[in-house]
Amino acid sequence: ALLDHSVLKKDANVRIGVARALEGSADPQGIEPIIKLMRDKDDRVIAAAARAASAYRFEKDSVRKDLFKTIVGIYESTWNLKNSVDPKKKVEAARAERKWFVIEGPMERSMQLLSNTTQPDPPSWRRWWNKNKKSKWASLDN
């Protein structure tokens, strides 16, 4: 309901502010809004929401997995788009490259913190997720 407010729908800077507030609180009620913000149309909002997800790295593994699943899906699909756009379509190629440039770092960092691992590239992150999504993840101490 929080994200359905008309001001939030119209102003990306307000949505970024919400993501930053959720990052600062790490309140379990913030998980669904963060997931929703990661599906935003604005790349900056997606990046801010990905950063906010990392604040939940000390939660139980089911929470971390819900966040990770969303992140890895967006991360991989954006990478695939960036690499599949015809370079002759300059506007589309530039848009895909910009989105990747904005979200890559925050998403990769959040995946590292949520999973306590690192991978070299998006396909490796996907393979890691497919292999580990049903296993118990070690709890991270704060």
C-alpha atoms as a PDB file:
ATOM      1  CA  ALA A   1       0.000   0.000   0.000  1.00  0.00           C
ATOM      2  CA  LEU A   2       2.901   2.355   0.752  1.00  0.00           C
ATOM      3  CA  LEU A   3       4.140   2.218  -2.826  1.00  0.00           C
ATOM      4  CA  ASP A   4       0.698   2.783  -4.317  1.00  0.00           C
ATOM      5  CA  HIS A   5       0.605   6.427  -3.237  1.00  0.00           C
ATOM      6  CA  SER A   6       0.305   8.802  -6.224  1.00  0.00           C
ATOM      7  CA  VAL A   7       3.399  10.852  -5.267  1.00  0.00           C
ATOM      8  CA  LEU A   8       5.513   7.703  -5.254  1.00  0.00           C
ATOM      9  CA  LYS A   9       4.227   6.667  -8.648  1.00  0.00           C
ATOM     10  CA  LYS A  10       5.127  10.027 -10.194  1.00  0.00           C
ATOM     11  CA  ASP A  11       8.481  10.841  -8.603  1.00  0.00           C
ATOM     12  CA  ALA A  12      11.485   8.525  -8.909  1.00  0.00           C
ATOM     13  CA  ASN A  13      13.420  10.580  -6.349  1.00  0.00           C
ATOM     14  CA  VAL A  14      10.747   9.880  -3.750  1.00  0.00           C
ATOM     15  CA  ARG A  15      10.932   6.139  -4.536  1.00  0.00           C
ATOM     16  CA  ILE A  16      14.727   6.304  -4.185  1.00  0.00           C
ATOM     17  CA  GLY A  17      14.229   7.984  -0.804  1.00  0.00           C
ATOM     18  CA  VAL A  18      11.895   5.181   0.259  1.00  0.00           C
ATOM     19  CA  ALA A  19      14.501   2.586  -0.744  1.00  0.00           C
ATOM     20  CA  ARG A  20      17.175   4.402   1.250  1.00  0.00           C
ATOM     21  CA  ALA A  21      14.895   4.599   4.287  1.00  0.00           C
ATOM     22  CA  LEU A  22      14.179   0.869   4.033  1.00  0.00           C
ATOM     23  CA  GLU A  23      17.900   0.197   3.781  1.00  0.00           C
ATOM     24  CA  GLY A  24      18.479   2.171   6.954  1.00  0.00           C
ATOM     25  CA  SER A  25      15.763   0.402   8.896  1.00  0.00           C
ATOM     26  CA  ALA A  26      16.174  -3.221   7.747  1.00  0.00           C
ATOM     27  CA  ASP A  27      12.583  -3.671   8.959  1.00  0.00           C
ATOM     28  CA  PRO A  28      11.148  -7.034   7.831  1.00  0.00           C
ATOM     29  CA  GLN A  29       8.056  -5.174   6.592  1.00  0.00           C
ATOM     30  CA  GLY A  30      10.333  -3.509   4.054  1.00  0.00           C
ATOM     31  CA  ILE A  31      11.080  -6.684   2.121  1.00  0.00           C
ATOM     32  CA  GLU A  32       8.013  -6.627  -0.158  1.00  0.00           C
ATOM     33  CA  PRO A  33       8.372  -2.895  -0.929  1.00  0.00           C
ATOM     34  CA  ILE A  34      12.044  -3.457  -1.785  1.00  0.00           C
ATOM     35  CA  ILE A  35      11.127  -6.283  -4.154  1.00  0.00           C
ATOM     36  CA  LYS A  36       8.506  -4.044  -5.745  1.00  0.00           C
ATOM     37  CA  LEU A  37      11.012  -1.186  -6.084  1.00  0.00           C
ATOM     38  CA  MET A  38      13.492  -3.519  -7.791  1.00  0.00           C
ATOM     39  CA  ARG A  39      10.854  -3.958 -10.524  1.00  0.00           C
ATOM     40  CA  ASP A  40      10.571  -0.205 -11.074  1.00  0.00           C
ATOM     41  CA  LYS A  41      10.974   1.326 -14.530  1.00  0.00           C
ATOM     42  CA  ASP A  42      13.651   3.771 -13.342  1.00  0.00           C
ATOM     43  CA  ASP A  43      17.181   2.331 -13.213  1.00  0.00           C
ATOM     44  CA  ARG A  44      18.147   4.540 -10.274  1.00  0.00           C
ATOM     45  CA  VAL A  45      15.233   3.218  -8.213  1.00  0.00           C
ATOM     46  CA  ILE A  46      16.222  -0.355  -9.060  1.00  0.00           C
ATOM     47  CA  ALA A  47      19.809   0.328  -7.955  1.00  0.00           C
ATOM     48  CA  ALA A  48      18.670   1.962  -4.697  1.00  0.00           C
ATOM     49  CA  ALA A  49      16.362  -0.966  -3.962  1.00  0.00           C
ATOM     50  CA  ALA A  50      19.181  -3.440  -4.647  1.00  0.00           C
ATOM     51  CA  ARG A  51      21.386  -1.556  -2.179  1.00  0.00           C
ATOM     52  CA  ALA A  52      18.540  -1.655   0.346  1.00  0.00           C
ATOM     53  CA  ALA A  53      18.268  -5.432  -0.048  1.00  0.00           C
ATOM     54  CA  SER A  54      21.796  -5.852   1.307  1.00  0.00           C
ATOM     55  CA  ALA A  55      20.610  -4.523   4.683  1.00  0.00           C
ATOM     56  CA  TYR A  56      18.740  -7.814   5.116  1.00  0.00           C
ATOM     57  CA  ARG A  57      21.888  -9.944   4.979  1.00  0.00           C
ATOM     58  CA  PHE A  58      21.525 -10.942   8.637  1.00  0.00           C
ATOM     59  CA  GLU A  59      17.959 -12.224   8.213  1.00  0.00           C
ATOM     60  CA  LYS A  60      17.072 -15.905   8.026  1.00  0.00           C
ATOM     61  CA  ASP A  61      17.914 -17.629   4.780  1.00  0.00           C
ATOM     62  CA  SER A  62      14.331 -17.666   3.461  1.00  0.00           C
ATOM     63  CA  VAL A  63      14.273 -13.841   3.531  1.00  0.00           C
ATOM     64  CA  ARG A  64      17.679 -13.608   1.890  1.00  0.00           C
ATOM     65  CA  LYS A  65      16.604 -16.114  -0.760  1.00  0.00           C
ATOM     66  CA  ASP A  66      13.464 -14.123  -1.632  1.00  0.00           C
ATOM     67  CA  LEU A  67      15.557 -11.008  -2.170  1.00  0.00           C
ATOM     68  CA  PHE A  68      18.328 -12.879  -3.977  1.00  0.00           C
ATOM     69  CA  LYS A  69      15.857 -14.550  -6.354  1.00  0.00           C
ATOM     70  CA  THR A  70      14.521 -11.167  -7.447  1.00  0.00           C
ATOM     71  CA  ILE A  71      17.973  -9.661  -7.808  1.00  0.00           C
ATOM     72  CA  VAL A  72      19.504 -12.509  -9.788  1.00  0.00           C
ATOM     73  CA  GLY A  73      16.559 -12.529 -12.190  1.00  0.00           C
ATOM     74  CA  ILE A  74      16.804  -8.807 -12.934  1.00  0.00           C
ATOM     75  CA  TYR A  75      20.614  -8.923 -12.994  1.00  0.00           C
ATOM     76  CA  GLU A  76      20.728 -11.764 -15.498  1.00  0.00           C
ATOM     77  CA  SER A  77      17.923 -10.477 -17.728  1.00  0.00           C
ATOM     78  CA  THR A  78      19.505  -7.013 -17.895  1.00  0.00           C
ATOM     79  CA  TRP A  79      22.878  -8.533 -18.770  1.00  0.00           C
ATOM     80  CA  ASN A  80      21.240 -10.705 -21.439  1.00  0.00           C
ATOM     81  CA  LEU A  81      19.442  -7.688 -22.897  1.00  0.00           C
ATOM     82  CA  LYS A  82      22.635  -5.617 -22.942  1.00  0.00           C
ATOM     83  CA  ASN A  83      24.421  -8.388 -24.829  1.00  0.00           C
ATOM     84  CA  SER A  84      21.629  -9.159 -27.285  1.00  0.00           C
ATOM     85  CA  VAL A  85      20.614  -5.700 -28.506  1.00  0.00           C
ATOM     86  CA  ASP A  86      21.570  -5.009 -32.098  1.00  0.00           C
ATOM     87  CA  PRO A  87      24.281  -2.298 -31.967  1.00  0.00           C
ATOM     88  CA  LYS A  88      22.657  -0.705 -35.024  1.00  0.00           C
ATOM     89  CA  LYS A  89      19.703   0.158 -32.800  1.00  0.00           C
ATOM     90  CA  LYS A  90      21.641   2.885 -31.068  1.00  0.00           C
ATOM     91  CA  VAL A  91      18.911   4.191 -28.745  1.00  0.00           C
ATOM     92  CA  GLU A  92      17.909   0.725 -27.567  1.00  0.00           C
ATOM     93  CA  ALA A  93      21.552  -0.341 -27.170  1.00  0.00           C
ATOM     94  CA  ALA A  94      22.386   2.811 -25.203  1.00  0.00           C
ATOM     95  CA  ARG A  95      19.359   2.295 -22.936  1.00  0.00           C
ATOM     96  CA  ALA A  96      20.350  -1.324 -22.217  1.00  0.00           C
ATOM     97  CA  GLU A  97      23.972  -0.329 -21.571  1.00  0.00           C
ATOM     98  CA  ARG A  98      22.906   2.481 -19.229  1.00  0.00           C
ATOM     99  CA  LYS A  99      20.618   0.212 -17.232  1.00  0.00           C
ATOM    100  CA  TRP A 100      23.414  -2.320 -16.822  1.00  0.00           C
ATOM    101  CA  PHE A 101      25.862   0.407 -15.824  1.00  0.00           C
ATOM    102  CA  VAL A 102      23.477   1.700 -13.123  1.00  0.00           C
ATOM    103  CA  ILE A 103      22.302  -1.592 -11.591  1.00  0.00           C
ATOM    104  CA  GLU A 104      25.262  -3.951 -11.976  1.00  0.00           C
ATOM    105  CA  GLY A 105      27.321  -2.812  -8.966  1.00  0.00           C
ATOM    106  CA  PRO A 106      24.500  -2.540  -6.406  1.00  0.00           C
ATOM    107  CA  MET A 107      22.967  -5.831  -7.475  1.00  0.00           C
ATOM    108  CA  GLU A 108      26.233  -7.732  -7.482  1.00  0.00           C
ATOM    109  CA  ARG A 109      27.174  -6.333  -4.066  1.00  0.00           C
ATOM    110  CA  SER A 110      23.795  -7.276  -2.609  1.00  0.00           C
ATOM    111  CA  MET A 111      24.047 -10.801  -3.990  1.00  0.00           C
ATOM    112  CA  GLN A 112      27.498 -11.126  -2.424  1.00  0.00           C
ATOM    113  CA  LEU A 113      26.241  -9.925   0.953  1.00  0.00           C
ATOM    114  CA  LEU A 114      23.012 -11.933   0.925  1.00  0.00           C
ATOM    115  CA  SER A 115      24.729 -15.182  -0.106  1.00  0.00           C
ATOM    116  CA  ASN A 116      28.185 -14.717   1.406  1.00  0.00           C
ATOM    117  CA  THR A 117      29.789 -15.738  -1.866  1.00  0.00           C
ATOM    118  CA  THR A 118      31.012 -14.188  -5.085  1.00  0.00           C
ATOM    119  CA  GLN A 119      30.768 -15.182  -8.730  1.00  0.00           C
ATOM    120  CA  PRO A 120      32.604 -13.856 -11.797  1.00  0.00           C
ATOM    121  CA  ASP A 121      29.650 -13.087 -14.084  1.00  0.00           C
ATOM    122  CA  PRO A 122      25.835 -13.193 -14.400  1.00  0.00           C
ATOM    123  CA  PRO A 123      25.625 -16.753 -15.799  1.00  0.00           C
ATOM    124  CA  SER A 124      27.732 -17.951 -12.845  1.00  0.00           C
ATOM    125  CA  TRP A 125      25.408 -16.185 -10.402  1.00  0.00           C
ATOM    126  CA  ARG A 126      22.450 -17.926 -12.044  1.00  0.00           C
ATOM    127  CA  ARG A 127      24.176 -21.333 -11.826  1.00  0.00           C
ATOM    128  CA  TRP A 128      25.044 -20.675  -8.175  1.00  0.00           C
ATOM    129  CA  TRP A 129      21.424 -19.765  -7.413  1.00  0.00           C
ATOM    130  CA  ASN A 130      20.037 -22.815  -9.211  1.00  0.00           C
ATOM    131  CA  LYS A 131      22.429 -25.044  -7.279  1.00  0.00           C
ATOM    132  CA  ASN A 132      21.873 -23.426  -3.854  1.00  0.00           C
ATOM    133  CA  LYS A 133      18.305 -22.106  -3.759  1.00  0.00           C
ATOM    134  CA  LYS A 134      16.966 -25.197  -1.976  1.00  0.00           C
ATOM    135  CA  SER A 135      19.881 -25.747   0.370  1.00  0.00           C
ATOM    136  CA  LYS A 136      20.259 -24.225   3.824  1.00  0.00           C
ATOM    137  CA  TRP A 137      22.267 -21.019   3.750  1.00  0.00           C
ATOM    138  CA  ALA A 138      24.574 -20.351   6.661  1.00  0.00           C
ATOM    139  CA  SER A 139      23.403 -17.558   8.886  1.00  0.00           C
ATOM    140  CA  LEU A 140      25.491 -14.440   8.803  1.00  0.00           C
ATOM    141  CA  ASP A 141      26.435 -12.895  12.127  1.00  0.00           C
ATOM    142  CA  ASN A 142      26.360  -9.163  12.495  1.00  0.00           C
END
